[in-house]
Amino acid sequence: MIHITINSGIVCLFYPGPDRQTDAATQIRWGLTYIKNTYGSPCGAWSHEQADGWY
């Protein structure tokens, strides 16, 4: 599965890898990359959650 995020006019493609459902390190790495590219930081993600009620 490929996820596409558009952030500040930049399109980012993420492919979590074939072990995405069984490897915790892959899931964490993918999640942190998603947060960075979507919200800028974990604090940015939390601010969005608090302001909009979803992440």
N, C-alpha and C. Protein backbone atom coordinates (compact mmCIF):
# COMPACT_ATOMS: atom_id res chain seq x y z
N MET A 1 0.84 -1.17 0.00
CA MET A 1 0.00 0.00 0.00
C MET A 1 0.89 1.24 0.00
N ILE A 2 0.54 2.21 -0.79
CA ILE A 2 1.27 3.48 -0.82
C ILE A 2 0.36 4.55 -0.23
N HIS A 3 0.89 5.32 0.69
CA HIS A 3 0.16 6.43 1.28
C HIS A 3 0.72 7.73 0.71
N ILE A 4 -0.16 8.64 0.37
CA ILE A 4 0.26 9.93 -0.18
C ILE A 4 -0.16 11.02 0.79
N THR A 5 0.79 11.87 1.14
CA THR A 5 0.52 13.01 2.00
C THR A 5 0.93 14.27 1.26
N ILE A 6 0.05 15.25 1.26
CA ILE A 6 0.38 16.54 0.65
C ILE A 6 0.56 17.54 1.79
N ASN A 7 1.74 18.11 1.88
CA ASN A 7 2.07 19.02 2.96
C ASN A 7 2.84 20.19 2.36
N SER A 8 2.29 21.36 2.45
CA SER A 8 2.94 22.57 1.93
C SER A 8 3.29 22.44 0.44
N GLY A 9 2.41 21.78 -0.30
CA GLY A 9 2.63 21.63 -1.73
C GLY A 9 3.59 20.53 -2.11
N ILE A 10 4.10 19.79 -1.14
CA ILE A 10 5.03 18.70 -1.40
C ILE A 10 4.27 17.37 -1.28
N VAL A 11 4.42 16.53 -2.26
CA VAL A 11 3.79 15.22 -2.22
C VAL A 11 4.81 14.20 -1.76
N CYS A 12 4.47 13.46 -0.71
CA CYS A 12 5.37 12.45 -0.16
C CYS A 12 4.73 11.09 -0.31
N LEU A 13 5.48 10.12 -0.80
CA LEU A 13 5.00 8.76 -0.94
C LEU A 13 5.66 7.90 0.12
N PHE A 14 4.87 7.09 0.80
CA PHE A 14 5.39 6.22 1.84
C PHE A 14 5.00 4.79 1.51
N TYR A 15 5.97 3.91 1.51
CA TYR A 15 5.71 2.49 1.39
C TYR A 15 6.25 1.84 2.65
N PRO A 16 5.36 1.40 3.54
CA PRO A 16 5.82 0.90 4.83
C PRO A 16 6.68 -0.36 4.76
N GLY A 17 6.62 -1.12 3.71
CA GLY A 17 7.43 -2.32 3.58
C GLY A 17 6.61 -3.58 3.77
N PRO A 18 7.16 -4.71 3.34
CA PRO A 18 6.41 -5.96 3.39
C PRO A 18 6.17 -6.47 4.81
N ASP A 19 6.97 -6.03 5.77
CA ASP A 19 6.82 -6.51 7.14
C ASP A 19 6.02 -5.56 8.02
N ARG A 20 5.28 -4.66 7.41
CA ARG A 20 4.58 -3.60 8.15
C ARG A 20 3.58 -4.13 9.18
N GLN A 21 3.04 -5.32 8.98
CA GLN A 21 2.05 -5.85 9.91
C GLN A 21 2.66 -6.69 11.02
N THR A 22 3.91 -7.04 10.91
CA THR A 22 4.51 -7.92 11.89
C THR A 22 5.73 -7.34 12.60
N ASP A 23 6.30 -6.26 12.10
CA ASP A 23 7.52 -5.72 12.68
C ASP A 23 7.25 -4.38 13.35
N ALA A 24 7.39 -4.35 14.66
CA ALA A 24 7.10 -3.14 15.43
C ALA A 24 8.00 -1.97 15.01
N ALA A 25 9.27 -2.24 14.75
CA ALA A 25 10.19 -1.17 14.36
C ALA A 25 9.75 -0.51 13.06
N THR A 26 9.27 -1.30 12.09
CA THR A 26 8.78 -0.75 10.82
C THR A 26 7.55 0.12 11.08
N GLN A 27 6.64 -0.34 11.93
CA GLN A 27 5.44 0.43 12.23
C GLN A 27 5.78 1.75 12.91
N ILE A 28 6.70 1.72 13.85
CA ILE A 28 7.11 2.95 14.55
C ILE A 28 7.79 3.91 13.58
N ARG A 29 8.71 3.40 12.77
CA ARG A 29 9.42 4.25 11.80
C ARG A 29 8.43 4.89 10.83
N TRP A 30 7.50 4.09 10.31
CA TRP A 30 6.51 4.61 9.38
C TRP A 30 5.64 5.66 10.06
N GLY A 31 5.21 5.38 11.29
CA GLY A 31 4.36 6.32 12.02
C GLY A 31 5.05 7.65 12.28
N LEU A 32 6.31 7.60 12.68
CA LEU A 32 7.05 8.83 12.94
C LEU A 32 7.30 9.62 11.65
N THR A 33 7.54 8.91 10.55
CA THR A 33 7.69 9.60 9.26
C THR A 33 6.39 10.27 8.86
N TYR A 34 5.28 9.57 9.04
CA TYR A 34 3.96 10.15 8.73
C TYR A 34 3.71 11.41 9.56
N ILE A 35 3.98 11.33 10.87
CA ILE A 35 3.78 12.48 11.74
C ILE A 35 4.65 13.65 11.29
N LYS A 36 5.91 13.39 11.01
CA LYS A 36 6.83 14.46 10.59
C LYS A 36 6.35 15.13 9.32
N ASN A 37 5.96 14.33 8.33
CA ASN A 37 5.56 14.89 7.04
C ASN A 37 4.16 15.50 7.04
N THR A 38 3.30 15.06 7.94
CA THR A 38 1.93 15.56 7.98
C THR A 38 1.78 16.73 8.94
N TYR A 39 2.39 16.62 10.12
CA TYR A 39 2.18 17.62 11.18
C TYR A 39 3.44 18.37 11.57
N GLY A 40 4.59 17.93 11.12
CA GLY A 40 5.84 18.59 11.44
C GLY A 40 6.54 18.02 12.65
N SER A 41 5.77 17.57 13.64
CA SER A 41 6.35 17.03 14.87
C SER A 41 5.24 16.33 15.66
N PRO A 42 5.61 15.54 16.67
CA PRO A 42 4.57 14.96 17.53
C PRO A 42 3.73 16.04 18.22
N CYS A 43 4.36 17.15 18.59
CA CYS A 43 3.60 18.24 19.20
C CYS A 43 2.61 18.85 18.21
N GLY A 44 3.01 18.94 16.95
CA GLY A 44 2.10 19.43 15.92
C GLY A 44 0.92 18.49 15.73
N ALA A 45 1.17 17.18 15.78
CA ALA A 45 0.09 16.20 15.67
C ALA A 45 -0.86 16.33 16.86
N TRP A 46 -0.31 16.49 18.05
CA TRP A 46 -1.14 16.62 19.24
C TRP A 46 -1.96 17.92 19.18
N SER A 47 -1.37 18.99 18.73
CA SER A 47 -2.10 20.26 18.59
C SER A 47 -3.25 20.12 17.62
N HIS A 48 -3.01 19.42 16.52
CA HIS A 48 -4.08 19.19 15.55
C HIS A 48 -5.19 18.36 16.17
N GLU A 49 -4.83 17.31 16.89
CA GLU A 49 -5.83 16.46 17.57
C GLU A 49 -6.68 17.29 18.54
N GLN A 50 -6.03 18.13 19.31
CA GLN A 50 -6.75 18.94 20.29
C GLN A 50 -7.66 19.98 19.62
N ALA A 51 -7.19 20.56 18.53
CA ALA A 51 -7.96 21.61 17.85
C ALA A 51 -9.11 21.04 17.01
N ASP A 52 -8.85 19.91 16.34
CA ASP A 52 -9.82 19.40 15.38
C ASP A 52 -10.52 18.12 15.82
N GLY A 53 -10.02 17.48 16.85
CA GLY A 53 -10.66 16.28 17.37
C GLY A 53 -10.36 15.02 16.57
N TRP A 54 -9.40 15.07 15.68
CA TRP A 54 -9.00 13.88 14.93
C TRP A 54 -7.55 14.04 14.48
N TYR A 55 -6.94 12.93 14.13
CA TYR A 55 -5.54 12.96 13.70
C TYR A 55 -5.38 12.24 12.40
